[in-house]
């Protein structure tokens, strides 16, 4: 992906989430997020970043969702013996917007 494309994607996310894109100049990995925001620490990953397994999970959740339900994929990452499992939630952006606003209040 060329620089102009990923910069545009980061700007899109910044606009949608009410933040400001942080230029990469002068920052090292983990020193600052891709998008500065008062509430969220936002890192953007773009391109073919989701595995086929994650994509299939979302297809299944969408297919199983009944009227009024929001599809969600629960992900548990097993790092290895002696390490705690990490748990994640995968949602489509439009669905996430329906659930959370930027002040943490529910839209519903």
C-alpha atoms as a PDB file:
ATOM      1  CA  UNK A   1       0.000   0.000   0.000  1.00  0.00           C
ATOM      2  CA  UNK A   2       1.459   3.365  -0.914  1.00  0.00           C
ATOM      3  CA  UNK A   3       1.965   6.168   1.621  1.00  0.00           C
ATOM      4  CA  UNK A   4      -0.810   8.352   0.214  1.00  0.00           C
ATOM      5  CA  UNK A   5      -3.328   5.531   0.622  1.00  0.00           C
ATOM      6  CA  UNK A   6      -2.502   4.665   4.219  1.00  0.00           C
ATOM      7  CA  UNK A   7      -2.336   8.351   5.165  1.00  0.00           C
ATOM      8  CA  UNK A   8      -5.803   8.817   3.641  1.00  0.00           C
ATOM      9  CA  UNK A   9      -7.090   5.806   5.581  1.00  0.00           C
ATOM     10  CA  UNK A  10      -5.688   7.204   8.839  1.00  0.00           C
ATOM     11  CA  UNK A  11      -7.319  10.567   8.078  1.00  0.00           C
ATOM     12  CA  UNK A  12     -10.649   8.814   7.390  1.00  0.00           C
ATOM     13  CA  UNK A  13     -10.491   7.058  10.776  1.00  0.00           C
ATOM     14  CA  UNK A  14      -9.479  10.277  12.538  1.00  0.00           C
ATOM     15  CA  UNK A  15     -12.469  12.084  11.048  1.00  0.00           C
ATOM     16  CA  UNK A  16     -14.917   9.269  11.838  1.00  0.00           C
ATOM     17  CA  UNK A  17     -13.709   8.952  15.434  1.00  0.00           C
ATOM     18  CA  UNK A  18     -13.348  12.656  16.162  1.00  0.00           C
ATOM     19  CA  UNK A  19      -9.569  12.565  16.492  1.00  0.00           C
ATOM     20  CA  UNK A  20      -6.529  13.924  14.703  1.00  0.00           C
ATOM     21  CA  UNK A  21      -4.084  11.914  12.609  1.00  0.00           C
ATOM     22  CA  UNK A  22      -0.610  11.866  14.159  1.00  0.00           C
ATOM     23  CA  UNK A  23       2.109  12.151  11.489  1.00  0.00           C
ATOM     24  CA  UNK A  24       4.701   9.391  11.683  1.00  0.00           C
ATOM     25  CA  UNK A  25       7.577  11.897  11.702  1.00  0.00           C
ATOM     26  CA  UNK A  26       9.476  11.741  14.962  1.00  0.00           C
ATOM     27  CA  UNK A  27       7.561   8.933  16.607  1.00  0.00           C
ATOM     28  CA  UNK A  28       8.702   5.411  17.299  1.00  0.00           C
ATOM     29  CA  UNK A  29       6.592   2.277  17.502  1.00  0.00           C
ATOM     30  CA  UNK A  30       4.277   2.570  20.489  1.00  0.00           C
ATOM     31  CA  UNK A  31       5.276   6.125  21.397  1.00  0.00           C
ATOM     32  CA  UNK A  32       2.080   7.668  20.013  1.00  0.00           C
ATOM     33  CA  UNK A  33      -1.099   6.343  18.401  1.00  0.00           C
ATOM     34  CA  UNK A  34      -1.939   6.713  14.710  1.00  0.00           C
ATOM     35  CA  UNK A  35      -4.875   8.915  15.698  1.00  0.00           C
ATOM     36  CA  UNK A  36      -4.823  11.214  18.741  1.00  0.00           C
ATOM     37  CA  UNK A  37      -8.058  11.216  20.724  1.00  0.00           C
ATOM     38  CA  UNK A  38      -9.009  12.131  24.294  1.00  0.00           C
ATOM     39  CA  UNK A  39     -10.660   8.773  25.002  1.00  0.00           C
ATOM     40  CA  UNK A  40      -9.309   6.191  22.562  1.00  0.00           C
ATOM     41  CA  UNK A  41      -5.747   4.998  21.852  1.00  0.00           C
ATOM     42  CA  UNK A  42      -6.221   4.384  18.133  1.00  0.00           C
ATOM     43  CA  UNK A  43      -3.973   2.238  15.954  1.00  0.00           C
ATOM     44  CA  UNK A  44      -4.979   1.739  12.328  1.00  0.00           C
ATOM     45  CA  UNK A  45      -4.254  -1.418  10.365  1.00  0.00           C
ATOM     46  CA  UNK A  46      -5.218  -1.388   6.698  1.00  0.00           C
ATOM     47  CA  UNK A  47      -4.968  -3.710   3.743  1.00  0.00           C
ATOM     48  CA  UNK A  48      -5.416  -7.462   3.946  1.00  0.00           C
ATOM     49  CA  UNK A  49      -5.052  -7.531   7.703  1.00  0.00           C
ATOM     50  CA  UNK A  50      -7.854  -9.892   8.753  1.00  0.00           C
ATOM     51  CA  UNK A  51      -7.322 -13.600   8.472  1.00  0.00           C
ATOM     52  CA  UNK A  52      -9.786 -15.724   6.536  1.00  0.00           C
ATOM     53  CA  UNK A  53     -10.842 -17.203   9.885  1.00  0.00           C
ATOM     54  CA  UNK A  54     -11.786 -13.768  11.286  1.00  0.00           C
ATOM     55  CA  UNK A  55     -13.619 -12.860   8.077  1.00  0.00           C
ATOM     56  CA  UNK A  56     -15.551 -16.134   8.169  1.00  0.00           C
ATOM     57  CA  UNK A  57     -16.448 -15.503  11.800  1.00  0.00           C
ATOM     58  CA  UNK A  58     -17.984 -12.163  10.837  1.00  0.00           C
ATOM     59  CA  UNK A  59     -19.866 -13.728   7.906  1.00  0.00           C
ATOM     60  CA  UNK A  60     -21.291 -16.310  10.322  1.00  0.00           C
ATOM     61  CA  UNK A  61     -22.222 -13.679  12.925  1.00  0.00           C
ATOM     62  CA  UNK A  62     -23.983 -11.552  10.289  1.00  0.00           C
ATOM     63  CA  UNK A  63     -25.870 -14.585   8.972  1.00  0.00           C
ATOM     64  CA  UNK A  64     -26.943 -15.612  12.487  1.00  0.00           C
ATOM     65  CA  UNK A  65     -28.042 -12.135  13.619  1.00  0.00           C
ATOM     66  CA  UNK A  66     -31.779 -11.736  14.005  1.00  0.00           C
ATOM     67  CA  UNK A  67     -33.668  -8.456  13.687  1.00  0.00           C
ATOM     68  CA  UNK A  68     -32.226  -5.931  16.141  1.00  0.00           C
ATOM     69  CA  UNK A  69     -29.098  -7.957  16.918  1.00  0.00           C
ATOM     70  CA  UNK A  70     -25.596  -6.690  16.215  1.00  0.00           C
ATOM     71  CA  UNK A  71     -23.117  -9.224  14.836  1.00  0.00           C
ATOM     72  CA  UNK A  72     -20.017  -9.627  16.975  1.00  0.00           C
ATOM     73  CA  UNK A  73     -17.075 -12.026  16.896  1.00  0.00           C
ATOM     74  CA  UNK A  74     -15.427 -12.909  20.208  1.00  0.00           C
ATOM     75  CA  UNK A  75     -11.749 -13.737  19.807  1.00  0.00           C
ATOM     76  CA  UNK A  76      -9.507 -15.381  22.393  1.00  0.00           C
ATOM     77  CA  UNK A  77      -5.792 -15.340  21.639  1.00  0.00           C
ATOM     78  CA  UNK A  78      -3.853 -18.073  23.405  1.00  0.00           C
ATOM     79  CA  UNK A  79      -0.313 -16.726  23.649  1.00  0.00           C
ATOM     80  CA  UNK A  80       1.156 -19.821  25.255  1.00  0.00           C
ATOM     81  CA  UNK A  81       1.746 -21.600  28.552  1.00  0.00           C
ATOM     82  CA  UNK A  82       2.204 -19.234  31.478  1.00  0.00           C
ATOM     83  CA  UNK A  83       0.679 -16.274  29.652  1.00  0.00           C
ATOM     84  CA  UNK A  84      -2.856 -14.998  30.194  1.00  0.00           C
ATOM     85  CA  UNK A  85      -5.209 -15.290  27.261  1.00  0.00           C
ATOM     86  CA  UNK A  86      -6.144 -12.048  25.527  1.00  0.00           C
ATOM     87  CA  UNK A  87      -9.795 -11.472  24.615  1.00  0.00           C
ATOM     88  CA  UNK A  88     -11.002  -9.209  21.807  1.00  0.00           C
ATOM     89  CA  UNK A  89     -14.259  -8.125  20.206  1.00  0.00           C
ATOM     90  CA  UNK A  90     -14.564  -7.746  16.425  1.00  0.00           C
ATOM     91  CA  UNK A  91     -17.427  -5.641  15.080  1.00  0.00           C
ATOM     92  CA  UNK A  92     -18.161  -3.832  11.850  1.00  0.00           C
ATOM     93  CA  UNK A  93     -17.567  -0.093  12.184  1.00  0.00           C
ATOM     94  CA  UNK A  94     -21.166   0.867  11.373  1.00  0.00           C
ATOM     95  CA  UNK A  95     -22.392  -1.517  14.095  1.00  0.00           C
ATOM     96  CA  UNK A  96     -19.863  -0.149  16.593  1.00  0.00           C
ATOM     97  CA  UNK A  97     -21.129   3.366  15.886  1.00  0.00           C
ATOM     98  CA  UNK A  98     -24.659   2.210  16.747  1.00  0.00           C
ATOM     99  CA  UNK A  99     -23.487   0.928  20.135  1.00  0.00           C
ATOM    100  CA  UNK A 100     -20.954   3.527  21.319  1.00  0.00           C
ATOM    101  CA  UNK A 101     -20.570   7.206  20.810  1.00  0.00           C
ATOM    102  CA  UNK A 102     -17.479   9.248  21.498  1.00  0.00           C
ATOM    103  CA  UNK A 103     -18.646  10.156  24.995  1.00  0.00           C
ATOM    104  CA  UNK A 104     -19.251   6.545  25.963  1.00  0.00           C
ATOM    105  CA  UNK A 105     -23.028   6.909  25.988  1.00  0.00           C
ATOM    106  CA  UNK A 106     -25.166   4.355  24.224  1.00  0.00           C
ATOM    107  CA  UNK A 107     -27.032   5.550  21.117  1.00  0.00           C
ATOM    108  CA  UNK A 108     -29.945   3.323  22.052  1.00  0.00           C
END
